[in-house]
PDB file of all heavy atoms in Angstrom:
ATOM      1  N   ALA A   1      69.842  73.591 145.181  1.00  0.00           N
ATOM      2  CA  ALA A   1      70.099  72.702 144.052  1.00  0.00           C
ATOM      3  C   ALA A   1      68.799  72.305 143.373  1.00  0.00           C
ATOM      4  O   ALA A   1      67.796  72.033 144.040  1.00  0.00           O
ATOM      5  CB  ALA A   1      70.831  71.455 144.529  1.00  0.00           C
ATOM      6  N   SER A   2      68.830  72.281 142.062  1.00  0.00           N
ATOM      7  CA  SER A   2      67.668  71.823 141.302  1.00  0.00           C
ATOM      8  C   SER A   2      67.708  70.308 141.165  1.00  0.00           C
ATOM      9  O   SER A   2      68.729  69.680 141.444  1.00  0.00           O
ATOM     10  CB  SER A   2      67.658  72.453 139.917  1.00  0.00           C
ATOM     11  OG  SER A   2      68.779  71.998 139.177  1.00  0.00           O
ATOM     12  N   GLY A   3      66.614  69.739 140.730  1.00  0.00           N
ATOM     13  CA  GLY A   3      66.604  68.309 140.474  1.00  0.00           C
ATOM     14  C   GLY A   3      66.148  67.492 141.666  1.00  0.00           C
ATOM     15  O   GLY A   3      66.132  67.972 142.801  1.00  0.00           O
ATOM     16  N   ARG A   4      65.818  66.243 141.394  1.00  0.00           N
ATOM     17  CA  ARG A   4      65.265  65.381 142.426  1.00  0.00           C
ATOM     18  C   ARG A   4      66.280  64.392 142.979  1.00  0.00           C
ATOM     19  O   ARG A   4      65.937  63.526 143.756  1.00  0.00           O
ATOM     20  CB  ARG A   4      64.072  64.609 141.859  1.00  0.00           C
ATOM     21  CG  ARG A   4      62.875  65.501 141.559  1.00  0.00           C
ATOM     22  CD  ARG A   4      61.754  64.712 140.932  1.00  0.00           C
ATOM     23  NE  ARG A   4      62.076  64.333 139.554  1.00  0.00           N
ATOM     24  CZ  ARG A   4      61.253  63.658 138.765  1.00  0.00           C
ATOM     25  NH1 ARG A   4      60.080  63.254 139.225  1.00  0.00           N
ATOM     26  NH2 ARG A   4      61.601  63.357 137.530  1.00  0.00           N
ATOM     27  N   THR A   5      67.550  64.533 142.569  1.00  0.00           N
ATOM     28  CA  THR A   5      68.564  63.590 143.027  1.00  0.00           C
ATOM     29  C   THR A   5      69.618  64.278 143.881  1.00  0.00           C
ATOM     30  O   THR A   5      70.766  63.864 143.915  1.00  0.00           O
ATOM     31  CB  THR A   5      69.234  62.923 141.812  1.00  0.00           C
ATOM     32  OG1 THR A   5      69.821  63.938 140.989  1.00  0.00           O
ATOM     33  CG2 THR A   5      68.240  62.108 141.023  1.00  0.00           C
ATOM     34  N   PHE A   6      69.228  65.313 144.578  1.00  0.00           N
ATOM     35  CA  PHE A   6      70.169  66.083 145.407  1.00  0.00           C
ATOM     36  C   PHE A   6      70.919  65.186 146.371  1.00  0.00           C
ATOM     37  O   PHE A   6      72.121  65.363 146.593  1.00  0.00           O
ATOM     38  CB  PHE A   6      69.387  67.159 146.170  1.00  0.00           C
ATOM     39  CG  PHE A   6      70.208  67.910 147.180  1.00  0.00           C
ATOM     40  CD1 PHE A   6      71.179  68.802 146.775  1.00  0.00           C
ATOM     41  CD2 PHE A   6      69.998  67.735 148.549  1.00  0.00           C
ATOM     42  CE1 PHE A   6      71.932  69.516 147.691  1.00  0.00           C
ATOM     43  CE2 PHE A   6      70.735  68.432 149.472  1.00  0.00           C
ATOM     44  CZ  PHE A   6      71.706  69.333 149.045  1.00  0.00           C
ATOM     45  N   SER A   7      70.248  64.222 146.937  1.00  0.00           N
ATOM     46  CA  SER A   7      70.865  63.366 147.950  1.00  0.00           C
ATOM     47  C   SER A   7      71.959  62.475 147.376  1.00  0.00           C
ATOM     48  O   SER A   7      72.724  61.878 148.129  1.00  0.00           O
ATOM     49  CB  SER A   7      69.807  62.503 148.631  1.00  0.00           C
ATOM     50  OG  SER A   7      69.169  61.675 147.678  1.00  0.00           O
ATOM     51  N   SER A   8      72.058  62.386 146.060  1.00  0.00           N
ATOM     52  CA  SER A   8      73.070  61.527 145.449  1.00  0.00           C
ATOM     53  C   SER A   8      74.373  62.268 145.155  1.00  0.00           C
ATOM     54  O   SER A   8      75.310  61.678 144.611  1.00  0.00           O
ATOM     55  CB  SER A   8      72.528  60.922 144.150  1.00  0.00           C
ATOM     56  OG  SER A   8      72.306  61.928 143.187  1.00  0.00           O
ATOM     57  N   TYR A   9      74.445  63.534 145.525  1.00  0.00           N
ATOM     58  CA  TYR A   9      75.628  64.344 145.232  1.00  0.00           C
ATOM     59  C   TYR A   9      76.446  64.623 146.483  1.00  0.00           C
ATOM     60  O   TYR A   9      75.892  64.958 147.546  1.00  0.00           O
ATOM     61  CB  TYR A   9      75.230  65.680 144.611  1.00  0.00           C
ATOM     62  CG  TYR A   9      74.680  65.558 143.202  1.00  0.00           C
ATOM     63  CD1 TYR A   9      73.322  65.379 142.993  1.00  0.00           C
ATOM     64  CD2 TYR A   9      75.519  65.621 142.108  1.00  0.00           C
ATOM     65  CE1 TYR A   9      72.814  65.269 141.706  1.00  0.00           C
ATOM     66  CE2 TYR A   9      75.022  65.520 140.821  1.00  0.00           C
ATOM     67  CZ  TYR A   9      73.673  65.338 140.620  1.00  0.00           C
ATOM     68  OH  TYR A   9      73.177  65.227 139.352  1.00  0.00           O
ATOM     69  N   VAL A  10      77.750  64.511 146.322  1.00  0.00           N
ATOM     70  CA  VAL A  10      78.664  65.067 147.318  1.00  0.00           C
ATOM     71  C   VAL A  10      78.682  66.576 147.080  1.00  0.00           C
ATOM     72  O   VAL A  10      78.798  67.026 145.950  1.00  0.00           O
ATOM     73  CB  VAL A  10      80.085  64.498 147.157  1.00  0.00           C
ATOM     74  CG1 VAL A  10      81.056  65.203 148.093  1.00  0.00           C
ATOM     75  CG2 VAL A  10      80.087  62.997 147.392  1.00  0.00           C
ATOM     76  N   MET A  11      78.570  67.336 148.150  1.00  0.00           N
ATOM     77  CA  MET A  11      78.512  68.796 148.024  1.00  0.00           C
ATOM     78  C   MET A  11      79.733  69.436 148.676  1.00  0.00           C
ATOM     79  O   MET A  11      80.223  68.968 149.712  1.00  0.00           O
ATOM     80  CB  MET A  11      77.249  69.336 148.694  1.00  0.00           C
ATOM     81  CG  MET A  11      75.946  68.768 148.135  1.00  0.00           C
ATOM     82  SD  MET A  11      75.711  69.139 146.385  1.00  0.00           S
ATOM     83  CE  MET A  11      75.583  70.936 146.426  1.00  0.00           C
ATOM     84  N   GLY A  12      80.196  70.515 148.058  1.00  0.00           N
ATOM     85  CA  GLY A  12      81.363  71.197 148.595  1.00  0.00           C
ATOM     86  C   GLY A  12      81.235  72.705 148.499  1.00  0.00           C
ATOM     87  O   GLY A  12      80.446  73.213 147.710  1.00  0.00           O
ATOM     88  N   TRP A  13      81.989  73.381 149.326  1.00  0.00           N
ATOM     89  CA  TRP A  13      82.149  74.833 149.248  1.00  0.00           C
ATOM     90  C   TRP A  13      83.622  75.130 148.994  1.00  0.00           C
ATOM     91  O   TRP A  13      84.500  74.606 149.680  1.00  0.00           O
ATOM     92  CB  TRP A  13      81.711  75.511 150.551  1.00  0.00           C
ATOM     93  CG  TRP A  13      80.231  75.594 150.757  1.00  0.00           C
ATOM     94  CD1 TRP A  13      79.457  74.740 151.498  1.00  0.00           C
ATOM     95  CD2 TRP A  13      79.342  76.581 150.206  1.00  0.00           C
ATOM     96  NE1 TRP A  13      78.138  75.147 151.446  1.00  0.00           N
ATOM     97  CE2 TRP A  13      78.048  76.272 150.669  1.00  0.00           C
ATOM     98  CE3 TRP A  13      79.510  77.699 149.387  1.00  0.00           C
ATOM     99  CZ2 TRP A  13      76.932  77.026 150.333  1.00  0.00           C
ATOM    100  CZ3 TRP A  13      78.403  78.451 149.057  1.00  0.00           C
ATOM    101  CH2 TRP A  13      77.133  78.113 149.523  1.00  0.00           C
ATOM    102  N   PHE A  14      83.851  75.971 148.010  1.00  0.00           N
ATOM    103  CA  PHE A  14      85.182  76.442 147.691  1.00  0.00           C
ATOM    104  C   PHE A  14      85.158  77.963 147.723  1.00  0.00           C
ATOM    105  O   PHE A  14      84.099  78.575 147.692  1.00  0.00           O
ATOM    106  CB  PHE A  14      85.597  75.964 146.286  1.00  0.00           C
ATOM    107  CG  PHE A  14      85.840  74.489 146.202  1.00  0.00           C
ATOM    108  CD1 PHE A  14      84.783  73.586 146.171  1.00  0.00           C
ATOM    109  CD2 PHE A  14      87.129  73.983 146.148  1.00  0.00           C
ATOM    110  CE1 PHE A  14      84.999  72.217 146.105  1.00  0.00           C
ATOM    111  CE2 PHE A  14      87.361  72.618 146.068  1.00  0.00           C
ATOM    112  CZ  PHE A  14      86.299  71.739 146.047  1.00  0.00           C
ATOM    113  N   ARG A  15      86.345  78.558 147.771  1.00  0.00           N
ATOM    114  CA  ARG A  15      86.389  80.021 147.776  1.00  0.00           C
ATOM    115  C   ARG A  15      87.601  80.508 146.992  1.00  0.00           C
ATOM    116  O   ARG A  15      88.601  79.793 146.870  1.00  0.00           O
ATOM    117  CB  ARG A  15      86.429  80.562 149.203  1.00  0.00           C
ATOM    118  CG  ARG A  15      87.667  80.186 150.003  1.00  0.00           C
ATOM    119  CD  ARG A  15      87.513  80.659 151.441  1.00  0.00           C
ATOM    120  NE  ARG A  15      88.736  80.442 152.212  1.00  0.00           N
ATOM    121  CZ  ARG A  15      88.875  80.744 153.500  1.00  0.00           C
ATOM    122  NH1 ARG A  15      87.852  81.292 154.163  1.00  0.00           N
ATOM    123  NH2 ARG A  15      90.015  80.515 154.129  1.00  0.00           N
ATOM    124  N   GLN A  16      87.482  81.711 146.469  1.00  0.00           N
ATOM    125  CA  GLN A  16      88.575  82.303 145.715  1.00  0.00           C
ATOM    126  C   GLN A  16      88.709  83.772 146.085  1.00  0.00           C
ATOM    127  O   GLN A  16      87.791  84.563 145.852  1.00  0.00           O
ATOM    128  CB  GLN A  16      88.361  82.159 144.210  1.00  0.00           C
ATOM    129  CG  GLN A  16      89.552  82.617 143.388  1.00  0.00           C
ATOM    130  CD  GLN A  16      89.465  82.186 141.941  1.00  0.00           C
ATOM    131  OE1 GLN A  16      88.399  81.864 141.425  1.00  0.00           O
ATOM    132  NE2 GLN A  16      90.599  82.167 141.261  1.00  0.00           N
ATOM    133  N   ALA A  17      89.844  84.095 146.682  1.00  0.00           N
ATOM    134  CA  ALA A  17      90.142  85.473 147.059  1.00  0.00           C
ATOM    135  C   ALA A  17      90.790  86.193 145.870  1.00  0.00           C
ATOM    136  O   ALA A  17      91.371  85.539 144.992  1.00  0.00           O
ATOM    137  CB  ALA A  17      91.061  85.487 148.263  1.00  0.00           C
ATOM    138  N   PRO A  18      90.731  87.518 145.832  1.00  0.00           N
ATOM    139  CA  PRO A  18      91.335  88.271 144.731  1.00  0.00           C
ATOM    140  C   PRO A  18      92.818  87.944 144.571  1.00  0.00           C
ATOM    141  O   PRO A  18      93.578  87.971 145.549  1.00  0.00           O
ATOM    142  CB  PRO A  18      91.132  89.721 145.159  1.00  0.00           C
ATOM    143  CG  PRO A  18      89.957  89.699 146.064  1.00  0.00           C
ATOM    144  CD  PRO A  18      90.036  88.395 146.797  1.00  0.00           C
ATOM    145  N   GLY A  19      93.211  87.605 143.374  1.00  0.00           N
ATOM    146  CA  GLY A  19      94.606  87.329 143.090  1.00  0.00           C
ATOM    147  C   GLY A  19      95.099  85.982 143.560  1.00  0.00           C
ATOM    148  O   GLY A  19      96.296  85.695 143.472  1.00  0.00           O
ATOM    149  N   LYS A  20      94.195  85.156 144.074  1.00  0.00           N
ATOM    150  CA  LYS A  20      94.592  83.848 144.581  1.00  0.00           C
ATOM    151  C   LYS A  20      93.851  82.739 143.849  1.00  0.00           C
ATOM    152  O   LYS A  20      92.832  82.970 143.215  1.00  0.00           O
ATOM    153  CB  LYS A  20      94.326  83.754 146.080  1.00  0.00           C
ATOM    154  CG  LYS A  20      95.166  84.707 146.915  1.00  0.00           C
ATOM    155  CD  LYS A  20      94.977  84.451 148.398  1.00  0.00           C
ATOM    156  CE  LYS A  20      95.866  85.343 149.232  1.00  0.00           C
ATOM    157  NZ  LYS A  20      95.700  85.086 150.693  1.00  0.00           N
ATOM    158  N   GLU A  21      94.366  81.534 143.972  1.00  0.00           N
ATOM    159  CA  GLU A  21      93.702  80.389 143.373  1.00  0.00           C
ATOM    160  C   GLU A  21      92.509  79.967 144.226  1.00  0.00           C
ATOM    161  O   GLU A  21      92.457  80.222 145.426  1.00  0.00           O
ATOM    162  CB  GLU A  21      94.689  79.225 143.227  1.00  0.00           C
ATOM    163  CG  GLU A  21      95.804  79.498 142.243  1.00  0.00           C
ATOM    164  CD  GLU A  21      96.654  78.260 141.989  1.00  0.00           C
ATOM    165  OE1 GLU A  21      96.444  77.244 142.669  1.00  0.00           O
ATOM    166  OE2 GLU A  21      97.522  78.325 141.108  1.00  0.00           O
ATOM    167  N   ARG A  22      91.599  79.298 143.566  1.00  0.00           N
ATOM    168  CA  ARG A  22      90.452  78.744 144.286  1.00  0.00           C
ATOM    169  C   ARG A  22      90.932  77.712 145.294  1.00  0.00           C
ATOM    170  O   ARG A  22      91.826  76.919 145.002  1.00  0.00           O
ATOM    171  CB  ARG A  22      89.495  78.099 143.288  1.00  0.00           C
ATOM    172  CG  ARG A  22      88.236  77.497 143.875  1.00  0.00           C
ATOM    173  CD  ARG A  22      87.406  76.889 142.763  1.00  0.00           C
ATOM    174  NE  ARG A  22      88.126  75.805 142.094  1.00  0.00           N
ATOM    175  CZ  ARG A  22      87.769  75.282 140.938  1.00  0.00           C
ATOM    176  NH1 ARG A  22      86.718  75.773 140.286  1.00  0.00           N
ATOM    177  NH2 ARG A  22      88.462  74.300 140.396  1.00  0.00           N
ATOM    178  N   GLU A  23      90.313  77.703 146.469  1.00  0.00           N
ATOM    179  CA  GLU A  23      90.704  76.741 147.492  1.00  0.00           C
ATOM    180  C   GLU A  23      89.484  76.089 148.124  1.00  0.00           C
ATOM    181  O   GLU A  23      88.406  76.654 148.180  1.00  0.00           O
ATOM    182  CB  GLU A  23      91.548  77.410 148.588  1.00  0.00           C
ATOM    183  CG  GLU A  23      90.816  78.450 149.403  1.00  0.00           C
ATOM    184  CD  GLU A  23      91.672  78.989 150.545  1.00  0.00           C
ATOM    185  OE1 GLU A  23      92.879  78.698 150.601  1.00  0.00           O
ATOM    186  OE2 GLU A  23      91.117  79.714 151.390  1.00  0.00           O
ATOM    187  N   PHE A  24      89.710  74.895 148.603  1.00  0.00           N
ATOM    188  CA  PHE A  24      88.670  74.117 149.263  1.00  0.00           C
ATOM    189  C   PHE A  24      88.359  74.709 150.626  1.00  0.00           C
ATOM    190  O   PHE A  24      89.262  75.141 151.350  1.00  0.00           O
ATOM    191  CB  PHE A  24      89.162  72.682 149.414  1.00  0.00           C
ATOM    192  CG  PHE A  24      88.326  71.819 150.306  1.00  0.00           C
ATOM    193  CD1 PHE A  24      87.108  71.327 149.875  1.00  0.00           C
ATOM    194  CD2 PHE A  24      88.772  71.481 151.579  1.00  0.00           C
ATOM    195  CE1 PHE A  24      86.343  70.514 150.694  1.00  0.00           C
ATOM    196  CE2 PHE A  24      88.023  70.670 152.406  1.00  0.00           C
ATOM    197  CZ  PHE A  24      86.806  70.185 151.968  1.00  0.00           C
ATOM    198  N   ALA A  25      87.077  74.727 150.980  1.00  0.00           N
ATOM    199  CA  ALA A  25      86.681  75.164 152.320  1.00  0.00           C
ATOM    200  C   ALA A  25      86.046  74.025 153.113  1.00  0.00           C
ATOM    201  O   ALA A  25      86.463  73.751 154.241  1.00  0.00           O
ATOM    202  CB  ALA A  25      85.714  76.337 152.222  1.00  0.00           C
ATOM    203  N   ALA A  26      85.031  73.376 152.529  1.00  0.00           N
ATOM    204  CA  ALA A  26      84.325  72.329 153.267  1.00  0.00           C
ATOM    205  C   ALA A  26      83.574  71.430 152.296  1.00  0.00           C
ATOM    206  O   ALA A  26      83.259  71.838 151.183  1.00  0.00           O
ATOM    207  CB  ALA A  26      83.343  72.943 154.261  1.00  0.00           C
ATOM    208  N   SER A  27      83.283  70.207 152.740  1.00  0.00           N
ATOM    209  CA  SER A  27      82.480  69.298 151.934  1.00  0.00           C
ATOM    210  C   SER A  27      81.665  68.401 152.842  1.00  0.00           C
ATOM    211  O   SER A  27      81.965  68.249 154.038  1.00  0.00           O
ATOM    212  CB  SER A  27      83.346  68.459 150.992  1.00  0.00           C
ATOM    213  OG  SER A  27      84.197  67.619 151.746  1.00  0.00           O
ATOM    214  N   ILE A  28      80.640  67.786 152.254  1.00  0.00           N
ATOM    215  CA  ILE A  28      79.751  66.918 153.009  1.00  0.00           C
ATOM    216  C   ILE A  28      79.340  65.753 152.125  1.00  0.00           C
ATOM    217  O   ILE A  28      79.031  65.921 150.943  1.00  0.00           O
ATOM    218  CB  ILE A  28      78.530  67.717 153.522  1.00  0.00           C
ATOM    219  CG1 ILE A  28      77.659  66.870 154.444  1.00  0.00           C
ATOM    220  CG2 ILE A  28      77.705  68.292 152.371  1.00  0.00           C
ATOM    221  CD1 ILE A  28      76.637  67.689 155.225  1.00  0.00           C
TER     222      ILE A  28
END
């Protein structure tokens, strides 16, 4: 991540398989 305020963001990982909708995987 760019910027100096990284610690102020909630971060997440999502994924999208072929032919499927994007789905949540994990967050912190």
